PDB file of N, CA and C in Angstrom:
ATOM      1  N   MET A   1     -24.076 -11.356  -5.021  1.00  0.00           N
ATOM      2  CA  MET A   1     -23.116 -11.486  -3.939  1.00  0.00           C
ATOM      3  C   MET A   1     -23.030 -10.153  -3.208  1.00  0.00           C
ATOM      4  N   ARG A   2     -22.888 -10.231  -1.902  1.00  0.00           N
ATOM      5  CA  ARG A   2     -22.754  -9.037  -1.061  1.00  0.00           C
ATOM      6  C   ARG A   2     -21.266  -8.842  -0.757  1.00  0.00           C
ATOM      7  N   LEU A   3     -20.715  -7.753  -1.264  1.00  0.00           N
ATOM      8  CA  LEU A   3     -19.282  -7.492  -1.140  1.00  0.00           C
ATOM      9  C   LEU A   3     -19.053  -6.224  -0.334  1.00  0.00           C
ATOM     10  N   LEU A   4     -18.123  -6.279   0.599  1.00  0.00           N
ATOM     11  CA  LEU A   4     -17.746  -5.105   1.364  1.00  0.00           C
ATOM     12  C   LEU A   4     -16.335  -4.706   0.956  1.00  0.00           C
ATOM     13  N   LEU A   5     -16.170  -3.449   0.581  1.00  0.00           N
ATOM     14  CA  LEU A   5     -14.866  -2.896   0.214  1.00  0.00           C
ATOM     15  C   LEU A   5     -14.468  -1.882   1.277  1.00  0.00           C
ATOM     16  N   ALA A   6     -13.340  -2.082   1.909  1.00  0.00           N
ATOM     17  CA  ALA A   6     -12.817  -1.156   2.910  1.00  0.00           C
ATOM     18  C   ALA A   6     -11.651  -0.397   2.297  1.00  0.00           C
ATOM     19  N   THR A   7     -11.744   0.937   2.312  1.00  0.00           N
ATOM     20  CA  THR A   7     -10.688   1.734   1.692  1.00  0.00           C
ATOM     21  C   THR A   7     -10.501   3.070   2.402  1.00  0.00           C
ATOM     22  N   ASP A   8      -9.254   3.452   2.562  1.00  0.00           N
ATOM     23  CA  ASP A   8      -8.916   4.774   3.081  1.00  0.00           C
ATOM     24  C   ASP A   8      -8.734   5.771   1.940  1.00  0.00           C
ATOM     25  N   ALA A   9      -8.874   5.326   0.717  1.00  0.00           N
ATOM     26  CA  ALA A   9      -8.749   6.187  -0.468  1.00  0.00           C
ATOM     27  C   ALA A   9     -10.070   6.125  -1.237  1.00  0.00           C
ATOM     28  N   TRP A  10     -10.782   7.250  -1.268  1.00  0.00           N
ATOM     29  CA  TRP A  10     -12.077   7.285  -1.952  1.00  0.00           C
ATOM     30  C   TRP A  10     -12.391   8.724  -2.314  1.00  0.00           C
ATOM     31  N   HIS A  11     -13.472   8.926  -2.984  1.00  0.00           N
ATOM     32  CA  HIS A  11     -13.888  10.255  -3.425  1.00  0.00           C
ATOM     33  C   HIS A  11     -13.996  11.194  -2.231  1.00  0.00           C
ATOM     34  N   PRO A  12     -13.624  12.431  -2.331  1.00  0.00           N
ATOM     35  CA  PRO A  12     -13.330  13.186  -3.547  1.00  0.00           C
ATOM     36  C   PRO A  12     -11.863  13.141  -3.985  1.00  0.00           C
ATOM     37  N   GLN A  13     -11.045  12.263  -3.387  1.00  0.00           N
ATOM     38  CA  GLN A  13      -9.658  12.145  -3.839  1.00  0.00           C
ATOM     39  C   GLN A  13      -9.624  11.781  -5.323  1.00  0.00           C
ATOM     40  N   ILE A  14      -8.613  12.266  -5.986  1.00  0.00           N
ATOM     41  CA  ILE A  14      -8.393  11.913  -7.389  1.00  0.00           C
ATOM     42  C   ILE A  14      -6.993  11.313  -7.474  1.00  0.00           C
ATOM     43  N   ASN A  15      -6.945  10.001  -7.649  1.00  0.00           N
ATOM     44  CA  ASN A  15      -5.662   9.313  -7.794  1.00  0.00           C
ATOM     45  C   ASN A  15      -5.919   7.938  -8.388  1.00  0.00           C
ATOM     46  N   GLY A  16      -4.881   7.212  -8.642  1.00  0.00           N
ATOM     47  CA  GLY A  16      -5.015   5.911  -9.293  1.00  0.00           C
ATOM     48  C   GLY A  16      -5.770   4.890  -8.465  1.00  0.00           C
ATOM     49  N   VAL A  17      -5.595   4.924  -7.151  1.00  0.00           N
ATOM     50  CA  VAL A  17      -6.305   3.973  -6.293  1.00  0.00           C
ATOM     51  C   VAL A  17      -7.806   4.213  -6.383  1.00  0.00           C
ATOM     52  N   VAL A  18      -8.214   5.473  -6.241  1.00  0.00           N
ATOM     53  CA  VAL A  18      -9.644   5.810  -6.297  1.00  0.00           C
ATOM     54  C   VAL A  18     -10.225   5.466  -7.663  1.00  0.00           C
ATOM     55  N   THR A  19      -9.508   5.773  -8.720  1.00  0.00           N
ATOM     56  CA  THR A  19      -9.986   5.453 -10.071  1.00  0.00           C
ATOM     57  C   THR A  19     -10.165   3.949 -10.240  1.00  0.00           C
ATOM     58  N   THR A  20      -9.190   3.176  -9.810  1.00  0.00           N
ATOM     59  CA  THR A  20      -9.272   1.715  -9.921  1.00  0.00           C
ATOM     60  C   THR A  20     -10.441   1.164  -9.120  1.00  0.00           C
ATOM     61  N   LEU A  21     -10.575   1.595  -7.874  1.00  0.00           N
ATOM     62  CA  LEU A  21     -11.650   1.080  -7.027  1.00  0.00           C
ATOM     63  C   LEU A  21     -13.022   1.510  -7.523  1.00  0.00           C
ATOM     64  N   SER A  22     -13.145   2.749  -7.979  1.00  0.00           N
ATOM     65  CA  SER A  22     -14.431   3.231  -8.505  1.00  0.00           C
ATOM     66  C   SER A  22     -14.873   2.412  -9.705  1.00  0.00           C
ATOM     67  N   THR A  23     -13.942   2.126 -10.588  1.00  0.00           N
ATOM     68  CA  THR A  23     -14.249   1.310 -11.769  1.00  0.00           C
ATOM     69  C   THR A  23     -14.654  -0.099 -11.350  1.00  0.00           C
ATOM     70  N   MET A  24     -13.928  -0.666 -10.404  1.00  0.00           N
ATOM     71  CA  MET A  24     -14.246  -2.011  -9.930  1.00  0.00           C
ATOM     72  C   MET A  24     -15.644  -2.066  -9.312  1.00  0.00           C
ATOM     73  N   VAL A  25     -15.972  -1.099  -8.461  1.00  0.00           N
ATOM     74  CA  VAL A  25     -17.289  -1.066  -7.816  1.00  0.00           C
ATOM     75  C   VAL A  25     -18.390  -0.912  -8.858  1.00  0.00           C
ATOM     76  N   ALA A  26     -18.200  -0.018  -9.824  1.00  0.00           N
ATOM     77  CA  ALA A  26     -19.207   0.181 -10.876  1.00  0.00           C
ATOM     78  C   ALA A  26     -19.440  -1.105 -11.660  1.00  0.00           C
ATOM     79  N   GLU A  27     -18.374  -1.793 -12.010  1.00  0.00           N
ATOM     80  CA  GLU A  27     -18.514  -3.037 -12.777  1.00  0.00           C
ATOM     81  C   GLU A  27     -19.174  -4.143 -11.956  1.00  0.00           C
ATOM     82  N   LEU A  28     -18.813  -4.247 -10.702  1.00  0.00           N
ATOM     83  CA  LEU A  28     -19.458  -5.246  -9.845  1.00  0.00           C
ATOM     84  C   LEU A  28     -20.955  -4.974  -9.739  1.00  0.00           C
ATOM     85  N   ARG A  29     -21.321  -3.716  -9.538  1.00  0.00           N
ATOM     86  CA  ARG A  29     -22.744  -3.358  -9.461  1.00  0.00           C
ATOM     87  C   ARG A  29     -23.442  -3.608 -10.789  1.00  0.00           C
ATOM     88  N   ASN A  30     -22.780  -3.313 -11.898  1.00  0.00           N
ATOM     89  CA  ASN A  30     -23.357  -3.581 -13.223  1.00  0.00           C
ATOM     90  C   ASN A  30     -23.642  -5.063 -13.424  1.00  0.00           C
ATOM     91  N   HIS A  31     -22.890  -5.902 -12.735  1.00  0.00           N
ATOM     92  CA  HIS A  31     -23.084  -7.351 -12.847  1.00  0.00           C
ATOM     93  C   HIS A  31     -23.998  -7.903 -11.750  1.00  0.00           C
ATOM     94  N   GLY A  32     -24.690  -7.005 -11.054  1.00  0.00           N
ATOM     95  CA  GLY A  32     -25.706  -7.427 -10.099  1.00  0.00           C
ATOM     96  C   GLY A  32     -25.257  -7.653  -8.675  1.00  0.00           C
ATOM     97  N   HIS A  33     -24.010  -7.330  -8.361  1.00  0.00           N
ATOM     98  CA  HIS A  33     -23.531  -7.519  -6.997  1.00  0.00           C
ATOM     99  C   HIS A  33     -23.885  -6.307  -6.139  1.00  0.00           C
ATOM    100  N   GLN A  34     -24.125  -6.551  -4.867  1.00  0.00           N
ATOM    101  CA  GLN A  34     -24.366  -5.468  -3.923  1.00  0.00           C
ATOM    102  C   GLN A  34     -23.028  -5.143  -3.261  1.00  0.00           C
ATOM    103  N   VAL A  35     -22.581  -3.902  -3.419  1.00  0.00           N
ATOM    104  CA  VAL A  35     -21.269  -3.508  -2.896  1.00  0.00           C
ATOM    105  C   VAL A  35     -21.452  -2.408  -1.860  1.00  0.00           C
ATOM    106  N   GLU A  36     -20.928  -2.635  -0.681  1.00  0.00           N
ATOM    107  CA  GLU A  36     -20.912  -1.643   0.389  1.00  0.00           C
ATOM    108  C   GLU A  36     -19.483  -1.128   0.488  1.00  0.00           C
ATOM    109  N   VAL A  37     -19.301   0.176   0.279  1.00  0.00           N
ATOM    110  CA  VAL A  37     -17.973   0.780   0.365  1.00  0.00           C
ATOM    111  C   VAL A  37     -17.845   1.464   1.724  1.00  0.00           C
ATOM    112  N   VAL A  38     -16.884   1.038   2.501  1.00  0.00           N
ATOM    113  CA  VAL A  38     -16.552   1.673   3.774  1.00  0.00           C
ATOM    114  C   VAL A  38     -15.354   2.561   3.481  1.00  0.00           C
ATOM    115  N   ALA A  39     -15.562   3.878   3.586  1.00  0.00           N
ATOM    116  CA  ALA A  39     -14.520   4.809   3.152  1.00  0.00           C
ATOM    117  C   ALA A  39     -14.313   5.935   4.156  1.00  0.00           C
ATOM    118  N   VAL A  40     -13.241   6.637   3.959  1.00  0.00           N
ATOM    119  CA  VAL A  40     -12.818   7.693   4.875  1.00  0.00           C
ATOM    120  C   VAL A  40     -13.882   8.779   5.038  1.00  0.00           C
ATOM    121  N   GLY A  41     -14.666   9.081   4.029  1.00  0.00           N
ATOM    122  CA  GLY A  41     -15.693  10.113   4.131  1.00  0.00           C
ATOM    123  C   GLY A  41     -16.844   9.756   5.041  1.00  0.00           C
ATOM    124  N   ASP A  42     -16.916   8.514   5.462  1.00  0.00           N
ATOM    125  CA  ASP A  42     -18.000   8.059   6.334  1.00  0.00           C
ATOM    126  C   ASP A  42     -17.736   8.335   7.812  1.00  0.00           C
ATOM    127  N   TYR A  43     -16.531   8.758   8.148  1.00  0.00           N
ATOM    128  CA  TYR A  43     -16.125   8.897   9.544  1.00  0.00           C
ATOM    129  C   TYR A  43     -15.324  10.185   9.733  1.00  0.00           C
ATOM    130  N   PRO A  44     -15.235  10.683  10.979  1.00  0.00           N
ATOM    131  CA  PRO A  44     -14.417  11.877  11.212  1.00  0.00           C
ATOM    132  C   PRO A  44     -12.982  11.634  10.739  1.00  0.00           C
ATOM    133  N   SER A  45     -12.366  12.704  10.255  1.00  0.00           N
ATOM    134  CA  SER A  45     -11.009  12.566   9.726  1.00  0.00           C
ATOM    135  C   SER A  45     -10.286  13.900   9.798  1.00  0.00           C
ATOM    136  N   PHE A  46      -8.995  13.847   9.553  1.00  0.00           N
ATOM    137  CA  PHE A  46      -8.203  15.074   9.460  1.00  0.00           C
ATOM    138  C   PHE A  46      -7.335  14.984   8.214  1.00  0.00           C
ATOM    139  N   PRO A  47      -6.964  16.139   7.632  1.00  0.00           N
ATOM    140  CA  PRO A  47      -6.128  16.109   6.429  1.00  0.00           C
ATOM    141  C   PRO A  47      -4.699  15.684   6.761  1.00  0.00           C
ATOM    142  N   MET A  48      -4.127  14.913   5.866  1.00  0.00           N
ATOM    143  CA  MET A  48      -2.742  14.491   6.044  1.00  0.00           C
ATOM    144  C   MET A  48      -1.823  15.697   5.843  1.00  0.00           C
ATOM    145  N   PRO A  49      -0.918  15.930   6.781  1.00  0.00           N
ATOM    146  CA  PRO A  49       0.037  17.018   6.585  1.00  0.00           C
ATOM    147  C   PRO A  49       0.815  16.815   5.286  1.00  0.00           C
ATOM    148  N   SER A  50       0.978  17.853   4.557  1.00  0.00           N
ATOM    149  CA  SER A  50       1.700  17.929   3.286  1.00  0.00           C
ATOM    150  C   SER A  50       0.949  17.311   2.109  1.00  0.00           C
ATOM    151  N   TYR A  51      -0.223  16.722   2.357  1.00  0.00           N
ATOM    152  CA  TYR A  51      -1.036  16.172   1.258  1.00  0.00           C
ATOM    153  C   TYR A  51      -2.492  16.216   1.716  1.00  0.00           C
ATOM    154  N   PRO A  52      -3.072  17.422   1.855  1.00  0.00           N
ATOM    155  CA  PRO A  52      -4.392  17.581   2.474  1.00  0.00           C
ATOM    156  C   PRO A  52      -5.544  16.923   1.720  1.00  0.00           C
ATOM    157  N   GLU A  53      -5.333  16.548   0.474  1.00  0.00           N
ATOM    158  CA  GLU A  53      -6.390  15.853  -0.261  1.00  0.00           C
ATOM    159  C   GLU A  53      -6.657  14.466   0.322  1.00  0.00           C
ATOM    160  N   ILE A  54      -5.662  13.903   0.986  1.00  0.00           N
ATOM    161  CA  ILE A  54      -5.829  12.610   1.653  1.00  0.00           C
ATOM    162  C   ILE A  54      -6.225  12.885   3.096  1.00  0.00           C
ATOM    163  N   ARG A  55      -7.287  12.216   3.522  1.00  0.00           N
ATOM    164  CA  ARG A  55      -7.766  12.381   4.885  1.00  0.00           C
ATOM    165  C   ARG A  55      -7.535  11.094   5.665  1.00  0.00           C
ATOM    166  N   ILE A  56      -7.249  11.246   6.945  1.00  0.00           N
ATOM    167  CA  ILE A  56      -6.967  10.126   7.834  1.00  0.00           C
ATOM    168  C   ILE A  56      -8.143   9.981   8.804  1.00  0.00           C
ATOM    169  N   SER A  57      -8.793   8.831   8.789  1.00  0.00           N
ATOM    170  CA  SER A  57      -9.924   8.582   9.688  1.00  0.00           C
ATOM    171  C   SER A  57      -9.437   8.499  11.122  1.00  0.00           C
ATOM    172  N   THR A  58     -10.256   9.024  12.042  1.00  0.00           N
ATOM    173  CA  THR A  58      -9.837   9.062  13.436  1.00  0.00           C
ATOM    174  C   THR A  58     -10.758   8.312  14.384  1.00  0.00           C
ATOM    175  N   TRP A  59     -12.031   8.270  14.128  1.00  0.00           N
ATOM    176  CA  TRP A  59     -12.978   7.691  15.070  1.00  0.00           C
ATOM    177  C   TRP A  59     -13.951   6.838  14.286  1.00  0.00           C
ATOM    178  N   LEU A  60     -13.795   5.534  14.335  1.00  0.00           N
ATOM    179  CA  LEU A  60     -14.572   4.617  13.493  1.00  0.00           C
ATOM    180  C   LEU A  60     -15.758   4.018  14.247  1.00  0.00           C
ATOM    181  N   THR A  61     -16.449   4.858  14.998  1.00  0.00           N
ATOM    182  CA  THR A  61     -17.598   4.428  15.781  1.00  0.00           C
ATOM    183  C   THR A  61     -18.653   3.775  14.897  1.00  0.00           C
ATOM    184  N   GLY A  62     -19.087   2.618  15.299  1.00  0.00           N
ATOM    185  CA  GLY A  62     -20.150   1.927  14.581  1.00  0.00           C
ATOM    186  C   GLY A  62     -19.702   1.098  13.395  1.00  0.00           C
ATOM    187  N   LEU A  63     -18.423   1.129  13.066  1.00  0.00           N
ATOM    188  CA  LEU A  63     -17.968   0.398  11.882  1.00  0.00           C
ATOM    189  C   LEU A  63     -18.128  -1.112  12.052  1.00  0.00           C
ATOM    190  N   GLY A  64     -17.795  -1.625  13.211  1.00  0.00           N
ATOM    191  CA  GLY A  64     -17.954  -3.063  13.434  1.00  0.00           C
ATOM    192  C   GLY A  64     -19.397  -3.505  13.261  1.00  0.00           C
ATOM    193  N   ALA A  65     -20.321  -2.752  13.841  1.00  0.00           N
ATOM    194  CA  ALA A  65     -21.748  -3.075  13.705  1.00  0.00           C
ATOM    195  C   ALA A  65     -22.193  -2.950  12.253  1.00  0.00           C
ATOM    196  N   ARG A  66     -21.642  -1.981  11.549  1.00  0.00           N
ATOM    197  CA  ARG A  66     -21.973  -1.803  10.128  1.00  0.00           C
ATOM    198  C   ARG A  66     -21.548  -3.027   9.314  1.00  0.00           C
ATOM    199  N   ILE A  67     -20.365  -3.527   9.571  1.00  0.00           N
ATOM    200  CA  ILE A  67     -19.880  -4.719   8.863  1.00  0.00           C
ATOM    201  C   ILE A  67     -20.793  -5.903   9.161  1.00  0.00           C
ATOM    202  N   ASP A  68     -21.075  -6.113  10.444  1.00  0.00           N
ATOM    203  CA  ASP A  68     -21.917  -7.240  10.838  1.00  0.00           C
ATOM    204  C   ASP A  68     -23.318  -7.128  10.240  1.00  0.00           C
ATOM    205  N   ALA A  69     -23.895  -5.924  10.243  1.00  0.00           N
ATOM    206  CA  ALA A  69     -25.251  -5.727   9.715  1.00  0.00           C
ATOM    207  C   ALA A  69     -25.318  -5.970   8.212  1.00  0.00           C
ATOM    208  N   PHE A  70     -24.271  -5.589   7.495  1.00  0.00           N
ATOM    209  CA  PHE A  70     -24.257  -5.809   6.044  1.00  0.00           C
ATOM    210  C   PHE A  70     -24.145  -7.297   5.730  1.00  0.00           C
ATOM    211  N   ASN A  71     -23.493  -8.038   6.612  1.00  0.00           N
ATOM    212  CA  ASN A  71     -23.353  -9.489   6.463  1.00  0.00           C
ATOM    213  C   ASN A  71     -22.784  -9.866   5.089  1.00  0.00           C
ATOM    214  N   PRO A  72     -21.576  -9.393   4.784  1.00  0.00           N
ATOM    215  CA  PRO A  72     -21.025  -9.619   3.444  1.00  0.00           C
ATOM    216  C   PRO A  72     -20.646 -11.073   3.179  1.00  0.00           C
ATOM    217  N   ASP A  73     -20.746 -11.443   1.914  1.00  0.00           N
ATOM    218  CA  ASP A  73     -20.255 -12.747   1.466  1.00  0.00           C
ATOM    219  C   ASP A  73     -18.739 -12.711   1.298  1.00  0.00           C
ATOM    220  N   ALA A  74     -18.222 -11.528   1.000  1.00  0.00           N
ATOM    221  CA  ALA A  74     -16.781 -11.353   0.794  1.00  0.00           C
ATOM    222  C   ALA A  74     -16.392  -9.958   1.269  1.00  0.00           C
ATOM    223  N   ILE A  75     -15.175  -9.853   1.801  1.00  0.00           N
ATOM    224  CA  ILE A  75     -14.632  -8.577   2.268  1.00  0.00           C
ATOM    225  C   ILE A  75     -13.291  -8.370   1.590  1.00  0.00           C
ATOM    226  N   HIS A  76     -13.118  -7.162   1.023  1.00  0.00           N
ATOM    227  CA  HIS A  76     -11.828  -6.820   0.427  1.00  0.00           C
ATOM    228  C   HIS A  76     -11.311  -5.556   1.096  1.00  0.00           C
ATOM    229  N   ILE A  77     -10.104  -5.629   1.618  1.00  0.00           N
ATOM    230  CA  ILE A  77      -9.447  -4.493   2.256  1.00  0.00           C
ATOM    231  C   ILE A  77      -8.440  -3.948   1.260  1.00  0.00           C
ATOM    232  N   SER A  78      -8.695  -2.716   0.830  1.00  0.00           N
ATOM    233  CA  SER A  78      -7.911  -2.166  -0.263  1.00  0.00           C
ATOM    234  C   SER A  78      -6.721  -1.322   0.178  1.00  0.00           C
ATOM    235  N   THR A  79      -6.761  -0.786   1.387  1.00  0.00           N
ATOM    236  CA  THR A  79      -5.681   0.100   1.828  1.00  0.00           C
ATOM    237  C   THR A  79      -5.219  -0.272   3.233  1.00  0.00           C
ATOM    238  N   GLU A  80      -4.061   0.239   3.602  1.00  0.00           N
ATOM    239  CA  GLU A  80      -3.435  -0.099   4.879  1.00  0.00           C
ATOM    240  C   GLU A  80      -3.601   0.991   5.922  1.00  0.00           C
ATOM    241  N   GLY A  81      -4.517   1.924   5.703  1.00  0.00           N
ATOM    242  CA  GLY A  81      -4.735   3.018   6.642  1.00  0.00           C
ATOM    243  C   GLY A  81      -5.618   2.605   7.806  1.00  0.00           C
ATOM    244  N   PRO A  82      -6.125   3.577   8.565  1.00  0.00           N
ATOM    245  CA  PRO A  82      -6.943   3.259   9.740  1.00  0.00           C
ATOM    246  C   PRO A  82      -8.157   2.376   9.434  1.00  0.00           C
ATOM    247  N   ILE A  83      -8.863   2.639   8.351  1.00  0.00           N
ATOM    248  CA  ILE A  83     -10.021   1.810   8.011  1.00  0.00           C
ATOM    249  C   ILE A  83      -9.573   0.393   7.678  1.00  0.00           C
ATOM    250  N   GLY A  84      -8.559   0.267   6.866  1.00  0.00           N
ATOM    251  CA  GLY A  84      -8.059  -1.057   6.509  1.00  0.00           C
ATOM    252  C   GLY A  84      -7.615  -1.857   7.721  1.00  0.00           C
ATOM    253  N   HIS A  85      -6.902  -1.210   8.639  1.00  0.00           N
ATOM    254  CA  HIS A  85      -6.441  -1.906   9.844  1.00  0.00           C
ATOM    255  C   HIS A  85      -7.615  -2.313  10.730  1.00  0.00           C
ATOM    256  N   TYR A  86      -8.585  -1.419  10.869  1.00  0.00           N
ATOM    257  CA  TYR A  86      -9.745  -1.738  11.703  1.00  0.00           C
ATOM    258  C   TYR A  86     -10.502  -2.935  11.132  1.00  0.00           C
ATOM    259  N   VAL A  87     -10.770  -2.909   9.834  1.00  0.00           N
ATOM    260  CA  VAL A  87     -11.534  -3.995   9.215  1.00  0.00           C
ATOM    261  C   VAL A  87     -10.753  -5.306   9.292  1.00  0.00           C
ATOM    262  N   ARG A  88      -9.465  -5.255   9.113  1.00  0.00           N
ATOM    263  CA  ARG A  88      -8.643  -6.473   9.250  1.00  0.00           C
ATOM    264  C   ARG A  88      -8.787  -7.063  10.655  1.00  0.00           C
ATOM    265  N   ARG A  89      -8.656  -6.209  11.679  1.00  0.00           N
ATOM    266  CA  ARG A  89      -8.804  -6.688  13.060  1.00  0.00           C
ATOM    267  C   ARG A  89     -10.196  -7.273  13.294  1.00  0.00           C
ATOM    268  N   ARG A  90     -11.214  -6.611  12.761  1.00  0.00           N
ATOM    269  CA  ARG A  90     -12.588  -7.102  12.926  1.00  0.00           C
ATOM    270  C   ARG A  90     -12.734  -8.482  12.280  1.00  0.00           C
ATOM    271  N   CYS A  91     -12.219  -8.625  11.090  1.00  0.00           N
ATOM    272  CA  CYS A  91     -12.287  -9.911  10.388  1.00  0.00           C
ATOM    273  C   CYS A  91     -11.573 -11.003  11.176  1.00  0.00           C
ATOM    274  N   GLN A  92     -10.399 -10.697  11.678  1.00  0.00           N
ATOM    275  CA  GLN A  92      -9.636 -11.692  12.430  1.00  0.00           C
ATOM    276  C   GLN A  92     -10.356 -12.089  13.715  1.00  0.00           C
ATOM    277  N   ARG A  93     -10.942 -11.127  14.397  1.00  0.00           N
ATOM    278  CA  ARG A  93     -11.654 -11.418  15.649  1.00  0.00           C
ATOM    279  C   ARG A  93     -12.936 -12.209  15.415  1.00  0.00           C
ATOM    280  N   ARG A  94     -13.608 -11.933  14.302  1.00  0.00           N
ATOM    281  CA  ARG A  94     -14.889 -12.588  14.012  1.00  0.00           C
ATOM    282  C   ARG A  94     -14.738 -13.845  13.159  1.00  0.00           C
ATOM    283  N   GLY A  95     -13.534 -14.094  12.676  1.00  0.00           N
ATOM    284  CA  GLY A  95     -13.320 -15.263  11.835  1.00  0.00           C
ATOM    285  C   GLY A  95     -13.801 -15.080  10.407  1.00  0.00           C
ATOM    286  N   TYR A  96     -13.950 -13.816   9.972  1.00  0.00           N
ATOM    287  CA  TYR A  96     -14.356 -13.540   8.593  1.00  0.00           C
ATOM    288  C   TYR A  96     -13.147 -13.705   7.675  1.00  0.00           C
ATOM    289  N   THR A  97     -13.354 -14.294   6.532  1.00  0.00           N
ATOM    290  CA  THR A  97     -12.280 -14.338   5.546  1.00  0.00           C
ATOM    291  C   THR A  97     -12.270 -13.018   4.792  1.00  0.00           C
ATOM    292  N   PHE A  98     -11.097 -12.646   4.293  1.00  0.00           N
ATOM    293  CA  PHE A  98     -10.972 -11.389   3.564  1.00  0.00           C
ATOM    294  C   PHE A  98      -9.800 -11.476   2.607  1.00  0.00           C
ATOM    295  N   THR A  99      -9.811 -10.582   1.647  1.00  0.00           N
ATOM    296  CA  THR A  99      -8.682 -10.428   0.737  1.00  0.00           C
ATOM    297  C   THR A  99      -8.149  -9.013   0.899  1.00  0.00           C
ATOM    298  N   THR A 100      -6.917  -8.812   0.462  1.00  0.00           N
ATOM    299  CA  THR A 100      -6.318  -7.483   0.498  1.00  0.00           C
ATOM    300  C   THR A 100      -5.601  -7.231  -0.822  1.00  0.00           C
ATOM    301  N   SER A 101      -5.270  -5.984  -1.041  1.00  0.00           N
ATOM    302  CA  SER A 101      -4.435  -5.628  -2.186  1.00  0.00           C
ATOM    303  C   SER A 101      -3.443  -4.578  -1.724  1.00  0.00           C
ATOM    304  N   PHE A 102      -2.424  -4.377  -2.509  1.00  0.00           N
ATOM    305  CA  PHE A 102      -1.341  -3.470  -2.143  1.00  0.00           C
ATOM    306  C   PHE A 102      -1.255  -2.386  -3.205  1.00  0.00           C
ATOM    307  N   HIS A 103      -1.563  -1.157  -2.812  1.00  0.00           N
ATOM    308  CA  HIS A 103      -1.527  -0.037  -3.751  1.00  0.00           C
ATOM    309  C   HIS A 103      -0.403   0.943  -3.423  1.00  0.00           C
ATOM    310  N   THR A 104      -0.192   1.183  -2.130  1.00  0.00           N
ATOM    311  CA  THR A 104       0.740   2.213  -1.684  1.00  0.00           C
ATOM    312  C   THR A 104       1.433   1.731  -0.415  1.00  0.00           C
ATOM    313  N   ARG A 105       2.657   2.116  -0.234  1.00  0.00           N
ATOM    314  CA  ARG A 105       3.348   1.812   1.024  1.00  0.00           C
ATOM    315  C   ARG A 105       2.881   2.832   2.057  1.00  0.00           C
ATOM    316  N   PHE A 106       1.619   2.678   2.472  1.00  0.00           N
ATOM    317  CA  PHE A 106       0.957   3.676   3.298  1.00  0.00           C
ATOM    318  C   PHE A 106       1.672   3.950   4.625  1.00  0.00           C
ATOM    319  N   PRO A 107       2.081   2.950   5.392  1.00  0.00           N
ATOM    320  CA  PRO A 107       2.776   3.265   6.651  1.00  0.00           C
ATOM    321  C   PRO A 107       4.033   4.116   6.437  1.00  0.00           C
ATOM    322  N   GLU A 108       4.824   3.779   5.436  1.00  0.00           N
ATOM    323  CA  GLU A 108       6.025   4.560   5.150  1.00  0.00           C
ATOM    324  C   GLU A 108       5.661   5.963   4.658  1.00  0.00           C
ATOM    325  N   TYR A 109       4.609   6.031   3.869  1.00  0.00           N
ATOM    326  CA  TYR A 109       4.125   7.301   3.331  1.00  0.00           C
ATOM    327  C   TYR A 109       3.728   8.235   4.473  1.00  0.00           C
ATOM    328  N   ILE A 110       2.956   7.715   5.422  1.00  0.00           N
ATOM    329  CA  ILE A 110       2.519   8.508   6.572  1.00  0.00           C
ATOM    330  C   ILE A 110       3.717   8.919   7.421  1.00  0.00           C
ATOM    331  N   ARG A 111       4.616   7.983   7.674  1.00  0.00           N
ATOM    332  CA  ARG A 111       5.775   8.256   8.524  1.00  0.00           C
ATOM    333  C   ARG A 111       6.594   9.429   7.982  1.00  0.00           C
ATOM    334  N   GLU A 112       6.712   9.532   6.678  1.00  0.00           N
ATOM    335  CA  GLU A 112       7.484  10.611   6.067  1.00  0.00           C
ATOM    336  C   GLU A 112       6.777  11.961   6.163  1.00  0.00           C
ATOM    337  N   ARG A 113       5.461  11.953   6.326  1.00  0.00           N
ATOM    338  CA  ARG A 113       4.703  13.191   6.273  1.00  0.00           C
ATOM    339  C   ARG A 113       4.170  13.689   7.609  1.00  0.00           C
ATOM    340  N   LEU A 114       4.067  12.824   8.599  1.00  0.00           N
ATOM    341  CA  LEU A 114       3.565  13.258   9.901  1.00  0.00           C
ATOM    342  C   LEU A 114       4.713  13.755  10.767  1.00  0.00           C
ATOM    343  N   PRO A 115       4.476  14.840  11.480  1.00  0.00           N
ATOM    344  CA  PRO A 115       5.541  15.410  12.305  1.00  0.00           C
ATOM    345  C   PRO A 115       5.700  14.718  13.656  1.00  0.00           C
ATOM    346  N   VAL A 116       5.108  13.536  13.828  1.00  0.00           N
ATOM    347  CA  VAL A 116       5.229  12.808  15.090  1.00  0.00           C
ATOM    348  C   VAL A 116       5.694  11.386  14.802  1.00  0.00           C
ATOM    349  N   PRO A 117       6.401  10.785  15.733  1.00  0.00           N
ATOM    350  CA  PRO A 117       6.833   9.395  15.511  1.00  0.00           C
ATOM    351  C   PRO A 117       5.648   8.440  15.580  1.00  0.00           C
ATOM    352  N   LEU A 118       5.686   7.422  14.739  1.00  0.00           N
ATOM    353  CA  LEU A 118       4.632   6.398  14.740  1.00  0.00           C
ATOM    354  C   LEU A 118       5.212   5.070  15.153  1.00  0.00           C
TER     355      LEU A 118
END
């Protein structure tokens, strides 16, 4: 099965979300699945104020074409950040089915840490 995982939390971050997703991807690959991880390190980003280990993607050029080219059998959106929102919109526009999970109250988290209104 061809699986696409969209996440705003990935290596080199060290946290529970990254640990959980890394383990899941490794196990899926061990069972013969092809997993494409779309993550923050693949695109330009800036460090989150007050928590620089977390980076916020800013310019997701080519992501839509990347999703289409991979032609996944299943899409899982793991986070609610810029990548997660972009992939959700792409899925809705293209009629792709997807699943999501809830790890962090990301919008509230960002709102508390960014010095600008969202």
